[in-house]
Amino acid sequence: MTLANLNDILQVLKERRTHCRELLDLSRRQNRVIEANDYSTLLNILGHKQRLLGRLDELKRRHPELGQQWPILRETGPAPLRRECDEVISEIEAILAELMQTEKDGADELSQRRDATRRQLESIAQGIHINETYRDNVAPYRHRFLDINR
């Protein structure tokens, strides 16, 4: 389907907006499951997001002329339809801005958790190293206890 008029463009924009809203909802859910440490649900959400991104890519592949047709039809189309297209585009931009922030927040949370885990592992490794060092430097096992019968 080629985008021959503003109605066609509006339908594509509405479809894109719907997918973007779904991505934002999934991103919000993703952050909630990260906070809840529910990583199996996180994998399901990531799979769903992957499918939505695929749909957006498919939409872009089906309508590569959108970027060229919109400026042309914007100038010649009926004012109410142009206005509606502009509103949908503005909504998409706002959704994408919020989506980017939500994704950044989730990535920051995961980075903090990763760093905390790394610090804990380093602390454990350091404790093991110290324990091994002391064990190697003390008397043999049988000499560590006081024999009160002697």
Protein backbone atom coordinates (compact mmCIF):
# COMPACT_ATOMS: atom_id res chain seq x y z
CA MET A 1 0.00 0.00 0.00
CA THR A 2 1.40 3.36 -0.98
CA LEU A 3 0.59 6.45 0.97
CA ALA A 4 -1.44 8.38 -1.59
CA ASN A 5 -3.29 10.76 0.75
CA LEU A 6 -3.35 12.09 4.30
CA ASN A 7 -5.87 9.46 5.39
CA ASP A 8 -3.34 6.77 4.51
CA ILE A 9 -0.61 8.60 6.40
CA LEU A 10 -2.89 9.10 9.39
CA GLN A 11 -3.65 5.38 9.57
CA VAL A 12 0.06 4.50 9.51
CA LEU A 13 0.77 7.13 12.18
CA LYS A 14 -2.02 5.78 14.39
CA GLU A 15 -0.68 2.26 14.04
CA ARG A 16 2.79 3.49 14.98
CA ARG A 17 1.35 5.36 17.98
CA THR A 18 -0.42 2.20 19.16
CA HIS A 19 2.82 0.20 19.00
CA CYS A 20 4.72 2.94 20.81
CA ARG A 21 2.12 3.03 23.61
CA GLU A 22 2.39 -0.74 23.96
CA LEU A 23 6.18 -0.44 24.18
CA LEU A 24 5.86 2.20 26.88
CA ASP A 25 3.46 0.02 28.88
CA LEU A 26 5.84 -2.91 28.58
CA SER A 27 8.76 -0.74 29.65
CA ARG A 28 6.88 0.34 32.76
CA ARG A 29 6.03 -3.30 33.55
CA GLN A 30 9.65 -4.20 32.92
CA ASN A 31 10.82 -1.74 35.56
CA ARG A 32 8.30 -3.11 38.06
CA VAL A 33 9.50 -6.68 37.58
CA ILE A 34 13.12 -5.56 37.84
CA GLU A 35 12.28 -3.99 41.22
CA ALA A 36 10.55 -7.23 42.23
CA ASN A 37 13.53 -9.37 41.08
CA ASP A 38 11.19 -11.37 38.85
CA TYR A 39 13.62 -12.20 36.07
CA SER A 40 11.55 -14.93 34.41
CA THR A 41 8.74 -12.41 33.83
CA LEU A 42 11.37 -9.93 32.65
CA LEU A 43 12.41 -12.35 29.91
CA ASN A 44 8.79 -12.66 28.76
CA ILE A 45 8.41 -8.88 28.65
CA LEU A 46 11.64 -8.52 26.67
CA GLY A 47 10.37 -11.08 24.16
CA HIS A 48 7.12 -9.15 23.76
CA LYS A 49 9.05 -5.90 23.30
CA GLN A 50 11.18 -7.58 20.65
CA ARG A 51 8.05 -8.58 18.73
CA LEU A 52 6.66 -5.03 18.94
CA LEU A 53 9.92 -3.59 17.66
CA GLY A 54 9.68 -6.06 14.79
CA ARG A 55 6.19 -4.77 13.98
CA LEU A 56 7.48 -1.20 13.97
CA ASP A 57 10.31 -2.22 11.63
CA GLU A 58 7.82 -3.98 9.37
CA LEU A 59 5.65 -0.86 9.31
CA LYS A 60 8.67 1.18 8.30
CA ARG A 61 9.58 -1.33 5.57
CA ARG A 62 6.01 -1.34 4.21
CA HIS A 63 5.91 2.46 4.02
CA PRO A 64 9.39 3.76 3.22
CA GLU A 65 7.82 6.71 1.40
CA LEU A 66 6.23 8.14 4.56
CA GLY A 67 9.07 10.58 5.15
CA GLN A 68 8.83 11.86 1.59
CA GLN A 69 5.05 11.90 1.23
CA TRP A 70 4.24 13.61 4.53
CA PRO A 71 5.81 17.00 3.69
CA ILE A 72 4.14 17.02 0.26
CA LEU A 73 0.67 15.98 1.42
CA ARG A 74 0.93 18.17 4.51
CA GLU A 75 0.94 21.25 2.36
CA THR A 76 -1.95 20.23 0.12
CA GLY A 77 -4.26 18.20 2.36
CA PRO A 78 -7.34 19.40 4.24
CA ALA A 79 -6.53 21.41 7.37
CA PRO A 80 -8.43 19.16 9.85
CA LEU A 81 -6.60 16.10 8.59
CA ARG A 82 -3.23 17.86 8.71
CA ARG A 83 -3.96 18.95 12.26
CA GLU A 84 -4.87 15.40 13.29
CA CYS A 85 -1.67 14.04 11.72
CA ASP A 86 0.36 16.68 13.57
CA GLU A 87 -1.34 15.74 16.85
CA VAL A 88 -0.60 12.05 16.37
CA ILE A 89 3.03 12.85 15.51
CA SER A 90 3.30 14.97 18.67
CA GLU A 91 1.84 12.14 20.74
CA ILE A 92 4.32 9.68 19.24
CA GLU A 93 7.20 12.01 20.05
CA ALA A 94 6.00 12.43 23.65
CA ILE A 95 5.54 8.67 24.06
CA LEU A 96 9.00 8.01 22.66
CA ALA A 97 10.56 10.60 24.98
CA GLU A 98 8.90 8.98 27.99
CA LEU A 99 9.86 5.53 26.70
CA MET A 100 13.51 6.56 26.45
CA GLN A 101 13.46 7.88 30.02
CA THR A 102 11.75 4.74 31.32
CA GLU A 103 14.29 2.54 29.54
CA LYS A 104 17.14 4.64 30.96
CA ASP A 105 15.71 4.30 34.47
CA GLY A 106 15.50 0.53 34.07
CA ALA A 107 19.03 0.31 32.68
CA ASP A 108 20.33 2.45 35.56
CA GLU A 109 18.62 0.17 38.10
CA LEU A 110 20.10 -2.93 36.49
CA SER A 111 23.56 -1.30 36.42
CA GLN A 112 23.31 -0.46 40.11
CA ARG A 113 22.32 -4.03 40.93
CA ARG A 114 25.15 -5.39 38.80
CA ASP A 115 27.65 -3.13 40.55
CA ALA A 116 26.33 -4.10 44.00
CA THR A 117 26.60 -7.78 43.10
CA ARG A 118 30.14 -7.27 41.83
CA ARG A 119 31.11 -5.53 45.09
CA GLN A 120 29.61 -8.38 47.11
CA LEU A 121 31.49 -10.97 45.07
CA GLU A 122 34.73 -9.02 45.45
CA SER A 123 34.16 -8.84 49.21
CA ILE A 124 33.54 -12.58 49.38
CA ALA A 125 36.61 -13.29 47.27
CA GLN A 126 38.69 -11.02 49.49
CA GLY A 127 37.39 -12.80 52.60
CA ILE A 128 38.28 -16.18 51.13
CA HIS A 129 41.75 -14.92 50.24
CA ILE A 130 42.30 -13.57 53.77
CA ASN A 131 41.04 -16.82 55.28
CA GLU A 132 43.41 -18.86 53.12
CA THR A 133 46.31 -16.59 54.02
CA TYR A 134 45.71 -17.01 57.76
CA ARG A 135 45.15 -20.74 57.43
CA ASP A 136 48.49 -21.13 55.66
CA ASN A 137 50.30 -19.14 58.35
CA VAL A 138 49.00 -20.78 61.52
CA ALA A 139 50.21 -23.88 63.27
CA PRO A 140 49.04 -27.25 62.05
CA TYR A 141 45.50 -28.23 62.95
CA ARG A 142 46.44 -30.44 65.93
CA HIS A 143 48.34 -27.59 67.60
CA ARG A 144 45.44 -25.17 67.55
CA PHE A 145 43.70 -26.62 70.61
CA LEU A 146 44.80 -26.66 74.24
CA ASP A 147 45.00 -30.14 75.73
CA ILE A 148 43.65 -29.70 79.23
CA ASN A 149 44.48 -33.29 80.17
CA ARG A 150 48.20 -32.62 80.11
